[in-house]
Amino acid sequence: DMIEYLLPLYIEEGKYSLTIAIGCT
């Protein structure tokens, strides 16, 4: 839900790429 909300905002600000890192041990 958060990523879906953020993507249009990043696009509006001119961001070409987004790296989402998911970490465990």
mmCIF file of all heavy atoms, coordinates in Angstrom:
data_MODEL
# 
_entry.id   MODEL 
# 
loop_
_atom_site.group_PDB 
_atom_site.id 
_atom_site.type_symbol 
_atom_site.label_atom_id 
_atom_site.label_alt_id 
_atom_site.label_comp_id 
_atom_site.label_asym_id 
_atom_site.label_entity_id 
_atom_site.label_seq_id 
_atom_site.pdbx_PDB_ins_code 
_atom_site.Cartn_x 
_atom_site.Cartn_y 
_atom_site.Cartn_z 
_atom_site.occupancy 
_atom_site.B_iso_or_equiv 
_atom_site.pdbx_formal_charge 
_atom_site.auth_seq_id 
_atom_site.auth_comp_id 
_atom_site.auth_asym_id 
_atom_site.auth_atom_id 
_atom_site.pdbx_PDB_model_num 
ATOM 1   N N   . ASP A 1 1  ? 0.831  -1.197  0.000   1.00 0.00 ? 1  ASP A N   1 
ATOM 2   C CA  . ASP A 1 1  ? 0.000  0.000   0.000   1.00 0.00 ? 1  ASP A CA  1 
ATOM 3   C C   . ASP A 1 1  ? 0.873  1.257   0.000   1.00 0.00 ? 1  ASP A C   1 
ATOM 4   O O   . ASP A 1 1  ? 0.606  2.216   -0.726  1.00 0.00 ? 1  ASP A O   1 
ATOM 5   C CB  . ASP A 1 1  ? -0.922 -0.012  1.220   1.00 0.00 ? 1  ASP A CB  1 
ATOM 6   C CG  . ASP A 1 1  ? -1.886 1.163   1.215   1.00 0.00 ? 1  ASP A CG  1 
ATOM 7   O OD1 . ASP A 1 1  ? -2.651 1.311   0.249   1.00 0.00 ? 1  ASP A OD1 1 
ATOM 8   O OD2 . ASP A 1 1  ? -1.860 1.946   2.184   1.00 0.00 ? 1  ASP A OD2 1 
ATOM 9   N N   . MET A 1 2  ? 1.946  1.246   0.787   1.00 0.00 ? 2  MET A N   1 
ATOM 10  C CA  . MET A 1 2  ? 2.827  2.404   0.854   1.00 0.00 ? 2  MET A CA  1 
ATOM 11  C C   . MET A 1 2  ? 3.571  2.612   -0.462  1.00 0.00 ? 2  MET A C   1 
ATOM 12  O O   . MET A 1 2  ? 3.688  3.737   -0.954  1.00 0.00 ? 2  MET A O   1 
ATOM 13  C CB  . MET A 1 2  ? 3.833  2.255   1.992   1.00 0.00 ? 2  MET A CB  1 
ATOM 14  C CG  . MET A 1 2  ? 4.747  3.462   2.136   1.00 0.00 ? 2  MET A CG  1 
ATOM 15  S SD  . MET A 1 2  ? 5.861  3.370   3.542   1.00 0.00 ? 2  MET A SD  1 
ATOM 16  C CE  . MET A 1 2  ? 6.888  2.002   3.065   1.00 0.00 ? 2  MET A CE  1 
ATOM 17  N N   . ILE A 1 3  ? 4.077  1.520   -1.053  1.00 0.00 ? 3  ILE A N   1 
ATOM 18  C CA  . ILE A 1 3  ? 4.814  1.648   -2.313  1.00 0.00 ? 3  ILE A CA  1 
ATOM 19  C C   . ILE A 1 3  ? 3.889  2.150   -3.422  1.00 0.00 ? 3  ILE A C   1 
ATOM 20  O O   . ILE A 1 3  ? 4.280  3.004   -4.234  1.00 0.00 ? 3  ILE A O   1 
ATOM 21  C CB  . ILE A 1 3  ? 5.452  0.299   -2.705  1.00 0.00 ? 3  ILE A CB  1 
ATOM 22  C CG1 . ILE A 1 3  ? 6.448  -0.155  -1.634  1.00 0.00 ? 3  ILE A CG1 1 
ATOM 23  C CG2 . ILE A 1 3  ? 6.151  0.426   -4.052  1.00 0.00 ? 3  ILE A CG2 1 
ATOM 24  C CD1 . ILE A 1 3  ? 7.555  0.821   -1.339  1.00 0.00 ? 3  ILE A CD1 1 
ATOM 25  N N   . GLU A 1 4  ? 2.672  1.659   -3.469  1.00 0.00 ? 4  GLU A N   1 
ATOM 26  C CA  . GLU A 1 4  ? 1.708  2.127   -4.469  1.00 0.00 ? 4  GLU A CA  1 
ATOM 27  C C   . GLU A 1 4  ? 1.436  3.623   -4.299  1.00 0.00 ? 4  GLU A C   1 
ATOM 28  O O   . GLU A 1 4  ? 1.234  4.350   -5.274  1.00 0.00 ? 4  GLU A O   1 
ATOM 29  C CB  . GLU A 1 4  ? 0.405  1.351   -4.353  1.00 0.00 ? 4  GLU A CB  1 
ATOM 30  C CG  . GLU A 1 4  ? 0.493  -0.090  -4.847  1.00 0.00 ? 4  GLU A CG  1 
ATOM 31  C CD  . GLU A 1 4  ? -0.792 -0.852  -4.592  1.00 0.00 ? 4  GLU A CD  1 
ATOM 32  O OE1 . GLU A 1 4  ? -1.853 -0.195  -4.424  1.00 0.00 ? 4  GLU A OE1 1 
ATOM 33  O OE2 . GLU A 1 4  ? -0.764 -2.083  -4.548  1.00 0.00 ? 4  GLU A OE2 1 
ATOM 34  N N   . TYR A 1 5  ? 1.418  4.070   -3.057  1.00 0.00 ? 5  TYR A N   1 
ATOM 35  C CA  . TYR A 1 5  ? 1.208  5.495   -2.787  1.00 0.00 ? 5  TYR A CA  1 
ATOM 36  C C   . TYR A 1 5  ? 2.414  6.331   -3.206  1.00 0.00 ? 5  TYR A C   1 
ATOM 37  O O   . TYR A 1 5  ? 2.278  7.429   -3.769  1.00 0.00 ? 5  TYR A O   1 
ATOM 38  C CB  . TYR A 1 5  ? 0.923  5.693   -1.297  1.00 0.00 ? 5  TYR A CB  1 
ATOM 39  C CG  . TYR A 1 5  ? 0.924  7.145   -0.866  1.00 0.00 ? 5  TYR A CG  1 
ATOM 40  C CD1 . TYR A 1 5  ? -0.142 7.980   -1.180  1.00 0.00 ? 5  TYR A CD1 1 
ATOM 41  C CD2 . TYR A 1 5  ? 1.998  7.678   -0.163  1.00 0.00 ? 5  TYR A CD2 1 
ATOM 42  C CE1 . TYR A 1 5  ? -0.139 9.319   -0.798  1.00 0.00 ? 5  TYR A CE1 1 
ATOM 43  C CE2 . TYR A 1 5  ? 2.014  9.008   0.226   1.00 0.00 ? 5  TYR A CE2 1 
ATOM 44  C CZ  . TYR A 1 5  ? 0.938  9.820   -0.095  1.00 0.00 ? 5  TYR A CZ  1 
ATOM 45  O OH  . TYR A 1 5  ? 0.951  11.139  0.268   1.00 0.00 ? 5  TYR A OH  1 
ATOM 46  N N   . LEU A 1 6  ? 3.621  5.798   -2.948  1.00 0.00 ? 6  LEU A N   1 
ATOM 47  C CA  . LEU A 1 6  ? 4.831  6.571   -3.179  1.00 0.00 ? 6  LEU A CA  1 
ATOM 48  C C   . LEU A 1 6  ? 5.221  6.681   -4.655  1.00 0.00 ? 6  LEU A C   1 
ATOM 49  O O   . LEU A 1 6  ? 5.756  7.708   -5.084  1.00 0.00 ? 6  LEU A O   1 
ATOM 50  C CB  . LEU A 1 6  ? 6.005  5.950   -2.402  1.00 0.00 ? 6  LEU A CB  1 
ATOM 51  C CG  . LEU A 1 6  ? 5.982  6.107   -0.882  1.00 0.00 ? 6  LEU A CG  1 
ATOM 52  C CD1 . LEU A 1 6  ? 7.136  5.320   -0.270  1.00 0.00 ? 6  LEU A CD1 1 
ATOM 53  C CD2 . LEU A 1 6  ? 6.069  7.574   -0.485  1.00 0.00 ? 6  LEU A CD2 1 
ATOM 54  N N   . LEU A 1 7  ? 4.990  5.638   -5.441  1.00 0.00 ? 7  LEU A N   1 
ATOM 55  C CA  . LEU A 1 7  ? 5.493  5.616   -6.813  1.00 0.00 ? 7  LEU A CA  1 
ATOM 56  C C   . LEU A 1 7  ? 5.035  6.824   -7.641  1.00 0.00 ? 7  LEU A C   1 
ATOM 57  O O   . LEU A 1 7  ? 5.867  7.467   -8.294  1.00 0.00 ? 7  LEU A O   1 
ATOM 58  C CB  . LEU A 1 7  ? 5.098  4.309   -7.508  1.00 0.00 ? 7  LEU A CB  1 
ATOM 59  C CG  . LEU A 1 7  ? 5.880  3.065   -7.074  1.00 0.00 ? 7  LEU A CG  1 
ATOM 60  C CD1 . LEU A 1 7  ? 5.391  1.838   -7.834  1.00 0.00 ? 7  LEU A CD1 1 
ATOM 61  C CD2 . LEU A 1 7  ? 7.377  3.249   -7.284  1.00 0.00 ? 7  LEU A CD2 1 
ATOM 62  N N   . PRO A 1 8  ? 3.746  7.176   -7.655  1.00 0.00 ? 8  PRO A N   1 
ATOM 63  C CA  . PRO A 1 8  ? 3.349  8.360   -8.437  1.00 0.00 ? 8  PRO A CA  1 
ATOM 64  C C   . PRO A 1 8  ? 4.019  9.639   -7.955  1.00 0.00 ? 8  PRO A C   1 
ATOM 65  O O   . PRO A 1 8  ? 4.304  10.536  -8.750  1.00 0.00 ? 8  PRO A O   1 
ATOM 66  C CB  . PRO A 1 8  ? 1.825  8.423   -8.230  1.00 0.00 ? 8  PRO A CB  1 
ATOM 67  C CG  . PRO A 1 8  ? 1.430  7.042   -7.833  1.00 0.00 ? 8  PRO A CG  1 
ATOM 68  C CD  . PRO A 1 8  ? 2.586  6.514   -7.035  1.00 0.00 ? 8  PRO A CD  1 
ATOM 69  N N   . LEU A 1 9  ? 4.280  9.718   -6.650  1.00 0.00 ? 9  LEU A N   1 
ATOM 70  C CA  . LEU A 1 9  ? 4.919  10.914  -6.111  1.00 0.00 ? 9  LEU A CA  1 
ATOM 71  C C   . LEU A 1 9  ? 6.380  10.989  -6.540  1.00 0.00 ? 9  LEU A C   1 
ATOM 72  O O   . LEU A 1 9  ? 6.895  12.070  -6.850  1.00 0.00 ? 9  LEU A O   1 
ATOM 73  C CB  . LEU A 1 9  ? 4.812  10.917  -4.580  1.00 0.00 ? 9  LEU A CB  1 
ATOM 74  C CG  . LEU A 1 9  ? 3.385  10.900  -4.021  1.00 0.00 ? 9  LEU A CG  1 
ATOM 75  C CD1 . LEU A 1 9  ? 3.412  10.889  -2.496  1.00 0.00 ? 9  LEU A CD1 1 
ATOM 76  C CD2 . LEU A 1 9  ? 2.592  12.098  -4.526  1.00 0.00 ? 9  LEU A CD2 1 
ATOM 77  N N   . TYR A 1 10 ? 7.059  9.846   -6.548  1.00 0.00 ? 10 TYR A N   1 
ATOM 78  C CA  . TYR A 1 10 ? 8.445  9.814   -7.029  1.00 0.00 ? 10 TYR A CA  1 
ATOM 79  C C   . TYR A 1 10 ? 8.507  10.186  -8.507  1.00 0.00 ? 10 TYR A C   1 
ATOM 80  O O   . TYR A 1 10 ? 9.408  10.915  -8.946  1.00 0.00 ? 10 TYR A O   1 
ATOM 81  C CB  . TYR A 1 10 ? 9.054  8.431   -6.817  1.00 0.00 ? 10 TYR A CB  1 
ATOM 82  C CG  . TYR A 1 10 ? 9.504  8.162   -5.400  1.00 0.00 ? 10 TYR A CG  1 
ATOM 83  C CD1 . TYR A 1 10 ? 9.098  7.007   -4.724  1.00 0.00 ? 10 TYR A CD1 1 
ATOM 84  C CD2 . TYR A 1 10 ? 10.346 9.034   -4.726  1.00 0.00 ? 10 TYR A CD2 1 
ATOM 85  C CE1 . TYR A 1 10 ? 9.523  6.742   -3.423  1.00 0.00 ? 10 TYR A CE1 1 
ATOM 86  C CE2 . TYR A 1 10 ? 10.765 8.784   -3.429  1.00 0.00 ? 10 TYR A CE2 1 
ATOM 87  C CZ  . TYR A 1 10 ? 10.350 7.637   -2.788  1.00 0.00 ? 10 TYR A CZ  1 
ATOM 88  O OH  . TYR A 1 10 ? 10.763 7.393   -1.505  1.00 0.00 ? 10 TYR A OH  1 
ATOM 89  N N   . ILE A 1 11 ? 7.563  9.684   -9.287  1.00 0.00 ? 11 ILE A N   1 
ATOM 90  C CA  . ILE A 1 11 ? 7.520  10.003  -10.714 1.00 0.00 ? 11 ILE A CA  1 
ATOM 91  C C   . ILE A 1 11 ? 7.300  11.492  -10.916 1.00 0.00 ? 11 ILE A C   1 
ATOM 92  O O   . ILE A 1 11 ? 7.956  12.139  -11.743 1.00 0.00 ? 11 ILE A O   1 
ATOM 93  C CB  . ILE A 1 11 ? 6.415  9.187   -11.413 1.00 0.00 ? 11 ILE A CB  1 
ATOM 94  C CG1 . ILE A 1 11 ? 6.792  7.700   -11.444 1.00 0.00 ? 11 ILE A CG1 1 
ATOM 95  C CG2 . ILE A 1 11 ? 6.178  9.698   -12.836 1.00 0.00 ? 11 ILE A CG2 1 
ATOM 96  C CD1 . ILE A 1 11 ? 5.692  6.800   -11.950 1.00 0.00 ? 11 ILE A CD1 1 
ATOM 97  N N   . GLU A 1 12 ? 6.383  12.070  -10.132 1.00 0.00 ? 12 GLU A N   1 
ATOM 98  C CA  . GLU A 1 12 ? 6.095  13.501  -10.238 1.00 0.00 ? 12 GLU A CA  1 
ATOM 99  C C   . GLU A 1 12 ? 7.325  14.346  -9.930  1.00 0.00 ? 12 GLU A C   1 
ATOM 100 O O   . GLU A 1 12 ? 7.530  15.420  -10.516 1.00 0.00 ? 12 GLU A O   1 
ATOM 101 C CB  . GLU A 1 12 ? 4.960  13.864  -9.278  1.00 0.00 ? 12 GLU A CB  1 
ATOM 102 C CG  . GLU A 1 12 ? 4.503  15.309  -9.385  1.00 0.00 ? 12 GLU A CG  1 
ATOM 103 C CD  . GLU A 1 12 ? 3.346  15.624  -8.456  1.00 0.00 ? 12 GLU A CD  1 
ATOM 104 O OE1 . GLU A 1 12 ? 2.683  14.666  -8.000  1.00 0.00 ? 12 GLU A OE1 1 
ATOM 105 O OE2 . GLU A 1 12 ? 3.122  16.807  -8.170  1.00 0.00 ? 12 GLU A OE2 1 
ATOM 106 N N   . GLU A 1 13 ? 8.169  13.858  -9.029  1.00 0.00 ? 13 GLU A N   1 
ATOM 107 C CA  . GLU A 1 13 ? 9.376  14.591  -8.665  1.00 0.00 ? 13 GLU A CA  1 
ATOM 108 C C   . GLU A 1 13 ? 10.532 14.331  -9.616  1.00 0.00 ? 13 GLU A C   1 
ATOM 109 O O   . GLU A 1 13 ? 11.632 14.833  -9.422  1.00 0.00 ? 13 GLU A O   1 
ATOM 110 C CB  . GLU A 1 13 ? 9.789  14.236  -7.233  1.00 0.00 ? 13 GLU A CB  1 
ATOM 111 C CG  . GLU A 1 13 ? 9.013  14.995  -6.183  1.00 0.00 ? 13 GLU A CG  1 
ATOM 112 C CD  . GLU A 1 13 ? 9.130  16.505  -6.362  1.00 0.00 ? 13 GLU A CD  1 
ATOM 113 O OE1 . GLU A 1 13 ? 10.254 17.025  -6.408  1.00 0.00 ? 13 GLU A OE1 1 
ATOM 114 O OE2 . GLU A 1 13 ? 8.086  17.168  -6.482  1.00 0.00 ? 13 GLU A OE2 1 
ATOM 115 N N   . GLY A 1 14 ? 10.306 13.510  -10.644 1.00 0.00 ? 14 GLY A N   1 
ATOM 116 C CA  . GLY A 1 14 ? 11.325 13.305  -11.659 1.00 0.00 ? 14 GLY A CA  1 
ATOM 117 C C   . GLY A 1 14 ? 12.267 12.157  -11.408 1.00 0.00 ? 14 GLY A C   1 
ATOM 118 O O   . GLY A 1 14 ? 13.318 12.061  -12.042 1.00 0.00 ? 14 GLY A O   1 
ATOM 119 N N   . LYS A 1 15 ? 11.913 11.263  -10.501 1.00 0.00 ? 15 LYS A N   1 
ATOM 120 C CA  . LYS A 1 15 ? 12.799 10.135  -10.205 1.00 0.00 ? 15 LYS A CA  1 
ATOM 121 C C   . LYS A 1 15 ? 12.660 9.079   -11.290 1.00 0.00 ? 15 LYS A C   1 
ATOM 122 O O   . LYS A 1 15 ? 11.556 8.657   -11.629 1.00 0.00 ? 15 LYS A O   1 
ATOM 123 C CB  . LYS A 1 15 ? 12.452 9.562   -8.830  1.00 0.00 ? 15 LYS A CB  1 
ATOM 124 C CG  . LYS A 1 15 ? 13.541 8.678   -8.232  1.00 0.00 ? 15 LYS A CG  1 
ATOM 125 C CD  . LYS A 1 15 ? 13.248 8.392   -6.767  1.00 0.00 ? 15 LYS A CD  1 
ATOM 126 C CE  . LYS A 1 15 ? 14.322 7.543   -6.124  1.00 0.00 ? 15 LYS A CE  1 
ATOM 127 N NZ  . LYS A 1 15 ? 15.641 8.189   -6.145  1.00 0.00 ? 15 LYS A NZ  1 
ATOM 128 N N   . TYR A 1 16 ? 13.792 8.630   -11.825 1.00 0.00 ? 16 TYR A N   1 
ATOM 129 C CA  . TYR A 1 16 ? 13.792 7.629   -12.886 1.00 0.00 ? 16 TYR A CA  1 
ATOM 130 C C   . TYR A 1 16 ? 13.746 6.210   -12.337 1.00 0.00 ? 16 TYR A C   1 
ATOM 131 O O   . TYR A 1 16 ? 13.196 5.313   -12.956 1.00 0.00 ? 16 TYR A O   1 
ATOM 132 C CB  . TYR A 1 16 ? 15.065 7.745   -13.732 1.00 0.00 ? 16 TYR A CB  1 
ATOM 133 C CG  . TYR A 1 16 ? 15.123 8.951   -14.623 1.00 0.00 ? 16 TYR A CG  1 
ATOM 134 C CD1 . TYR A 1 16 ? 15.920 10.036  -14.325 1.00 0.00 ? 16 TYR A CD1 1 
ATOM 135 C CD2 . TYR A 1 16 ? 14.366 8.990   -15.783 1.00 0.00 ? 16 TYR A CD2 1 
ATOM 136 C CE1 . TYR A 1 16 ? 15.975 11.139  -15.142 1.00 0.00 ? 16 TYR A CE1 1 
ATOM 137 C CE2 . TYR A 1 16 ? 14.414 10.081  -16.622 1.00 0.00 ? 16 TYR A CE2 1 
ATOM 138 C CZ  . TYR A 1 16 ? 15.225 11.155  -16.313 1.00 0.00 ? 16 TYR A CZ  1 
ATOM 139 O OH  . TYR A 1 16 ? 15.264 12.248  -17.130 1.00 0.00 ? 16 TYR A OH  1 
ATOM 140 N N   . SER A 1 17 ? 14.377 5.998   -11.206 1.00 0.00 ? 17 SER A N   1 
ATOM 141 C CA  . SER A 1 17 ? 14.487 4.641   -10.675 1.00 0.00 ? 17 SER A CA  1 
ATOM 142 C C   . SER A 1 17 ? 14.357 4.677   -9.159  1.00 0.00 ? 17 SER A C   1 
ATOM 143 O O   . SER A 1 17 ? 14.650 5.683   -8.521  1.00 0.00 ? 17 SER A O   1 
ATOM 144 C CB  . SER A 1 17 ? 15.821 4.004   -11.067 1.00 0.00 ? 17 SER A CB  1 
ATOM 145 O OG  . SER A 1 17 ? 16.911 4.718   -10.513 1.00 0.00 ? 17 SER A OG  1 
ATOM 146 N N   . LEU A 1 18 ? 13.918 3.549   -8.618  1.00 0.00 ? 18 LEU A N   1 
ATOM 147 C CA  . LEU A 1 18 ? 13.735 3.424   -7.183  1.00 0.00 ? 18 LEU A CA  1 
ATOM 148 C C   . LEU A 1 18 ? 14.258 2.063   -6.758  1.00 0.00 ? 18 LEU A C   1 
ATOM 149 O O   . LEU A 1 18 ? 13.875 1.045   -7.325  1.00 0.00 ? 18 LEU A O   1 
ATOM 150 C CB  . LEU A 1 18 ? 12.256 3.554   -6.814  1.00 0.00 ? 18 LEU A CB  1 
ATOM 151 C CG  . LEU A 1 18 ? 11.917 3.451   -5.330  1.00 0.00 ? 18 LEU A CG  1 
ATOM 152 C CD1 . LEU A 1 18 ? 12.382 4.710   -4.604  1.00 0.00 ? 18 LEU A CD1 1 
ATOM 153 C CD2 . LEU A 1 18 ? 10.414 3.252   -5.136  1.00 0.00 ? 18 LEU A CD2 1 
ATOM 154 N N   . THR A 1 19 ? 15.145 2.051   -5.778  1.00 0.00 ? 19 THR A N   1 
ATOM 155 C CA  . THR A 1 19 ? 15.685 0.798   -5.260  1.00 0.00 ? 19 THR A CA  1 
ATOM 156 C C   . THR A 1 19 ? 15.117 0.545   -3.871  1.00 0.00 ? 19 THR A C   1 
ATOM 157 O O   . THR A 1 19 ? 15.322 1.334   -2.954  1.00 0.00 ? 19 THR A O   1 
ATOM 158 C CB  . THR A 1 19 ? 17.221 0.836   -5.193  1.00 0.00 ? 19 THR A CB  1 
ATOM 159 O OG1 . THR A 1 19 ? 17.744 1.014   -6.522  1.00 0.00 ? 19 THR A OG1 1 
ATOM 160 C CG2 . THR A 1 19 ? 17.763 -0.473  -4.620  1.00 0.00 ? 19 THR A CG2 1 
ATOM 161 N N   . ILE A 1 20 ? 14.375 -0.564  -3.766  1.00 0.00 ? 20 ILE A N   1 
ATOM 162 C CA  . ILE A 1 20 ? 13.756 -0.952  -2.498  1.00 0.00 ? 20 ILE A CA  1 
ATOM 163 C C   . ILE A 1 20 ? 14.520 -2.159  -1.968  1.00 0.00 ? 20 ILE A C   1 
ATOM 164 O O   . ILE A 1 20 ? 14.587 -3.204  -2.618  1.00 0.00 ? 20 ILE A O   1 
ATOM 165 C CB  . ILE A 1 20 ? 12.280 -1.316  -2.694  1.00 0.00 ? 20 ILE A CB  1 
ATOM 166 C CG1 . ILE A 1 20 ? 11.516 -0.161  -3.350  1.00 0.00 ? 20 ILE A CG1 1 
ATOM 167 C CG2 . ILE A 1 20 ? 11.641 -1.688  -1.355  1.00 0.00 ? 20 ILE A CG2 1 
ATOM 168 C CD1 . ILE A 1 20 ? 10.108 -0.519  -3.780  1.00 0.00 ? 20 ILE A CD1 1 
ATOM 169 N N   . ALA A 1 21 ? 15.121 -2.017  -0.810  1.00 0.00 ? 21 ALA A N   1 
ATOM 170 C CA  . ALA A 1 21 ? 15.931 -3.088  -0.224  1.00 0.00 ? 21 ALA A CA  1 
ATOM 171 C C   . ALA A 1 21 ? 15.174 -3.735  0.928   1.00 0.00 ? 21 ALA A C   1 
ATOM 172 O O   . ALA A 1 21 ? 14.657 -3.045  1.805   1.00 0.00 ? 21 ALA A O   1 
ATOM 173 C CB  . ALA A 1 21 ? 17.267 -2.546  0.259   1.00 0.00 ? 21 ALA A CB  1 
ATOM 174 N N   . ILE A 1 22 ? 15.112 -5.057  0.898   1.00 0.00 ? 22 ILE A N   1 
ATOM 175 C CA  . ILE A 1 22 ? 14.455 -5.836  1.946   1.00 0.00 ? 22 ILE A CA  1 
ATOM 176 C C   . ILE A 1 22 ? 15.530 -6.687  2.627   1.00 0.00 ? 22 ILE A C   1 
ATOM 177 O O   . ILE A 1 22 ? 16.179 -7.510  1.968   1.00 0.00 ? 22 ILE A O   1 
ATOM 178 C CB  . ILE A 1 22 ? 13.366 -6.758  1.373   1.00 0.00 ? 22 ILE A CB  1 
ATOM 179 C CG1 . ILE A 1 22 ? 12.432 -5.988  0.417   1.00 0.00 ? 22 ILE A CG1 1 
ATOM 180 C CG2 . ILE A 1 22 ? 12.593 -7.438  2.498   1.00 0.00 ? 22 ILE A CG2 1 
ATOM 181 C CD1 . ILE A 1 22 ? 11.564 -4.966  1.088   1.00 0.00 ? 22 ILE A CD1 1 
ATOM 182 N N   . GLY A 1 23 ? 15.729 -6.505  3.921   1.00 0.00 ? 23 GLY A N   1 
ATOM 183 C CA  . GLY A 1 23 ? 16.831 -7.187  4.600   1.00 0.00 ? 23 GLY A CA  1 
ATOM 184 C C   . GLY A 1 23 ? 16.390 -8.104  5.715   1.00 0.00 ? 23 GLY A C   1 
ATOM 185 O O   . GLY A 1 23 ? 15.459 -7.804  6.462   1.00 0.00 ? 23 GLY A O   1 
ATOM 186 N N   . CYS A 1 24 ? 17.069 -9.248  5.805   1.00 0.00 ? 24 CYS A N   1 
ATOM 187 C CA  . CYS A 1 24 ? 16.946 -10.120 6.975   1.00 0.00 ? 24 CYS A CA  1 
ATOM 188 C C   . CYS A 1 24 ? 18.369 -10.411 7.448   1.00 0.00 ? 24 CYS A C   1 
ATOM 189 O O   . CYS A 1 24 ? 19.313 -9.758  7.013   1.00 0.00 ? 24 CYS A O   1 
ATOM 190 C CB  . CYS A 1 24 ? 16.161 -11.392 6.658   1.00 0.00 ? 24 CYS A CB  1 
ATOM 191 S SG  . CYS A 1 24 ? 16.914 -12.474 5.432   1.00 0.00 ? 24 CYS A SG  1 
ATOM 192 N N   . THR A 1 25 ? 18.545 -11.396 8.289   1.00 0.00 ? 25 THR A N   1 
ATOM 193 C CA  . THR A 1 25 ? 19.877 -11.620 8.858   1.00 0.00 ? 25 THR A CA  1 
ATOM 194 C C   . THR A 1 25 ? 20.889 -12.036 7.804   1.00 0.00 ? 25 THR A C   1 
ATOM 195 O O   . THR A 1 25 ? 21.943 -11.411 7.630   1.00 0.00 ? 25 THR A O   1 
ATOM 196 C CB  . THR A 1 25 ? 19.809 -12.682 9.964   1.00 0.00 ? 25 THR A CB  1 
ATOM 197 O OG1 . THR A 1 25 ? 18.865 -12.265 10.950  1.00 0.00 ? 25 THR A OG1 1 
ATOM 198 C CG2 . THR A 1 25 ? 21.181 -12.850 10.620  1.00 0.00 ? 25 THR A CG2 1 
# 
